[in-house]
Amino acid sequence: MLGLAGFIVALVSGMLVGNDATSTLVRALLAMIVCQLVGMVLGAIGKSVIEDHLNSRQVARAAAAPAGVNDEPIIEVSPVDESETA
């Protein structure tokens, strides 16, 4: 998305100042490539920050859970054997 925005800004800027079509398109393509790379880096950083935040919340919730919530069940139920009930 950032690459497309960079392309459009460079294209419109080049057209408004009156540059020829070739130089405008070359600069717009270069801007698109650079902006795409920057967008990928920013996306990876954002993903990492969100994953770290979610992991820390999960750890905090597990630490704040009352005792016995994550333990083994108090009553263990075994499956019923239907041959014994008949």
C-alpha atoms as a PDB file:
ATOM      1  CA  MET A   1       0.000   0.000   0.000  1.00  0.00           C
ATOM      2  CA  LEU A   2       2.842   2.358   0.833  1.00  0.00           C
ATOM      3  CA  GLY A   3       4.475   1.571  -2.524  1.00  0.00           C
ATOM      4  CA  LEU A   4       1.353   2.591  -4.411  1.00  0.00           C
ATOM      5  CA  ALA A   5       1.121   5.825  -2.428  1.00  0.00           C
ATOM      6  CA  GLY A   6       4.764   6.624  -3.232  1.00  0.00           C
ATOM      7  CA  PHE A   7       4.155   5.943  -6.920  1.00  0.00           C
ATOM      8  CA  ILE A   8       1.109   8.211  -7.056  1.00  0.00           C
ATOM      9  CA  VAL A   9       2.797  11.058  -5.187  1.00  0.00           C
ATOM     10  CA  ALA A  10       5.876  10.911  -7.432  1.00  0.00           C
ATOM     11  CA  LEU A  11       3.760  10.658 -10.578  1.00  0.00           C
ATOM     12  CA  VAL A  12       1.518  13.592  -9.700  1.00  0.00           C
ATOM     13  CA  SER A  13       4.473  15.694  -8.529  1.00  0.00           C
ATOM     14  CA  GLY A  14       6.362  15.042 -11.748  1.00  0.00           C
ATOM     15  CA  MET A  15       3.339  15.929 -13.862  1.00  0.00           C
ATOM     16  CA  LEU A  16       2.639  19.130 -11.918  1.00  0.00           C
ATOM     17  CA  VAL A  17       6.174  20.505 -12.336  1.00  0.00           C
ATOM     18  CA  GLY A  18       6.149  19.664 -16.041  1.00  0.00           C
ATOM     19  CA  ASN A  19       8.807  16.932 -16.216  1.00  0.00           C
ATOM     20  CA  ASP A  20       8.838  14.729 -19.288  1.00  0.00           C
ATOM     21  CA  ALA A  21       6.962  11.418 -19.123  1.00  0.00           C
ATOM     22  CA  THR A  22      10.026   9.160 -19.106  1.00  0.00           C
ATOM     23  CA  SER A  23      11.765  10.787 -16.149  1.00  0.00           C
ATOM     24  CA  THR A  24       8.476  11.069 -14.271  1.00  0.00           C
ATOM     25  CA  LEU A  25       7.680   7.373 -14.716  1.00  0.00           C
ATOM     26  CA  VAL A  26      11.225   6.252 -13.850  1.00  0.00           C
ATOM     27  CA  ARG A  27      11.202   8.332 -10.665  1.00  0.00           C
ATOM     28  CA  ALA A  28       7.701   7.136  -9.800  1.00  0.00           C
ATOM     29  CA  LEU A  29       8.759   3.485 -10.219  1.00  0.00           C
ATOM     30  CA  LEU A  30      11.857   4.032  -8.073  1.00  0.00           C
ATOM     31  CA  ALA A  31       9.724   5.734  -5.424  1.00  0.00           C
ATOM     32  CA  MET A  32       7.299   2.809  -5.533  1.00  0.00           C
ATOM     33  CA  ILE A  33      10.079   0.265  -4.980  1.00  0.00           C
ATOM     34  CA  VAL A  34      11.621   2.208  -2.094  1.00  0.00           C
ATOM     35  CA  CYS A  35       8.259   2.853  -0.462  1.00  0.00           C
ATOM     36  CA  GLN A  36       7.293  -0.819  -0.836  1.00  0.00           C
ATOM     37  CA  LEU A  37      10.483  -1.901   0.940  1.00  0.00           C
ATOM     38  CA  VAL A  38       9.904   0.651   3.714  1.00  0.00           C
ATOM     39  CA  GLY A  39       6.321  -0.570   4.057  1.00  0.00           C
ATOM     40  CA  MET A  40       7.461  -4.185   4.362  1.00  0.00           C
ATOM     41  CA  VAL A  41       9.932  -3.272   7.115  1.00  0.00           C
ATOM     42  CA  LEU A  42       7.309  -1.249   8.977  1.00  0.00           C
ATOM     43  CA  GLY A  43       4.805  -4.088   8.639  1.00  0.00           C
ATOM     44  CA  ALA A  44       7.283  -6.605  10.066  1.00  0.00           C
ATOM     45  CA  ILE A  45       8.041  -4.282  12.989  1.00  0.00           C
ATOM     46  CA  GLY A  46       4.334  -3.756  13.647  1.00  0.00           C
ATOM     47  CA  LYS A  47       3.644  -7.484  13.536  1.00  0.00           C
ATOM     48  CA  SER A  48       6.455  -8.149  16.000  1.00  0.00           C
ATOM     49  CA  VAL A  49       5.206  -5.465  18.396  1.00  0.00           C
ATOM     50  CA  ILE A  50       1.645  -6.821  18.320  1.00  0.00           C
ATOM     51  CA  GLU A  51       2.801 -10.426  18.857  1.00  0.00           C
ATOM     52  CA  ASP A  52       4.973  -9.362  21.808  1.00  0.00           C
ATOM     53  CA  HIS A  53       2.083  -7.434  23.327  1.00  0.00           C
ATOM     54  CA  LEU A  54      -0.325 -10.351  22.952  1.00  0.00           C
ATOM     55  CA  ASN A  55       2.201 -12.774  24.439  1.00  0.00           C
ATOM     56  CA  SER A  56       2.812 -10.524  27.436  1.00  0.00           C
ATOM     57  CA  ARG A  57      -0.942 -10.203  28.018  1.00  0.00           C
ATOM     58  CA  GLN A  58      -1.333 -13.961  27.858  1.00  0.00           C
ATOM     59  CA  VAL A  59       1.471 -14.441  30.406  1.00  0.00           C
ATOM     60  CA  ALA A  60      -0.052 -11.781  32.671  1.00  0.00           C
ATOM     61  CA  ARG A  61      -3.482 -13.435  32.496  1.00  0.00           C
ATOM     62  CA  ALA A  62      -2.003 -16.839  33.286  1.00  0.00           C
ATOM     63  CA  ALA A  63      -0.162 -15.396  36.291  1.00  0.00           C
ATOM     64  CA  ALA A  64      -3.305 -13.641  37.535  1.00  0.00           C
ATOM     65  CA  ALA A  65      -5.545 -16.719  37.171  1.00  0.00           C
ATOM     66  CA  PRO A  66      -6.815 -18.115  40.479  1.00  0.00           C
ATOM     67  CA  ALA A  67      -5.206 -21.278  41.801  1.00  0.00           C
ATOM     68  CA  GLY A  68      -6.718 -24.457  40.472  1.00  0.00           C
ATOM     69  CA  VAL A  69      -7.999 -23.020  37.219  1.00  0.00           C
ATOM     70  CA  ASN A  70      -5.273 -24.547  35.084  1.00  0.00           C
ATOM     71  CA  ASP A  71      -4.697 -27.632  37.280  1.00  0.00           C
ATOM     72  CA  GLU A  72      -5.879 -31.147  36.692  1.00  0.00           C
ATOM     73  CA  PRO A  73      -9.605 -31.812  37.108  1.00  0.00           C
ATOM     74  CA  ILE A  74     -10.731 -32.541  40.676  1.00  0.00           C
ATOM     75  CA  ILE A  75     -12.976 -35.465  39.700  1.00  0.00           C
ATOM     76  CA  GLU A  76     -11.755 -37.828  37.054  1.00  0.00           C
ATOM     77  CA  VAL A  77     -14.546 -39.436  35.044  1.00  0.00           C
ATOM     78  CA  SER A  78     -13.856 -42.648  33.199  1.00  0.00           C
ATOM     79  CA  PRO A  79     -15.797 -43.592  30.080  1.00  0.00           C
ATOM     80  CA  VAL A  80     -18.776 -45.910  30.582  1.00  0.00           C
ATOM     81  CA  ASP A  81     -18.383 -49.434  29.271  1.00  0.00           C
ATOM     82  CA  GLU A  82     -21.769 -50.286  27.744  1.00  0.00           C
ATOM     83  CA  SER A  83     -21.229 -54.026  28.139  1.00  0.00           C
ATOM     84  CA  GLU A  84     -21.337 -53.602  31.941  1.00  0.00           C
ATOM     85  CA  THR A  85     -24.645 -51.701  31.947  1.00  0.00           C
ATOM     86  CA  ALA A  86     -26.644 -54.250  29.915  1.00  0.00           C
END
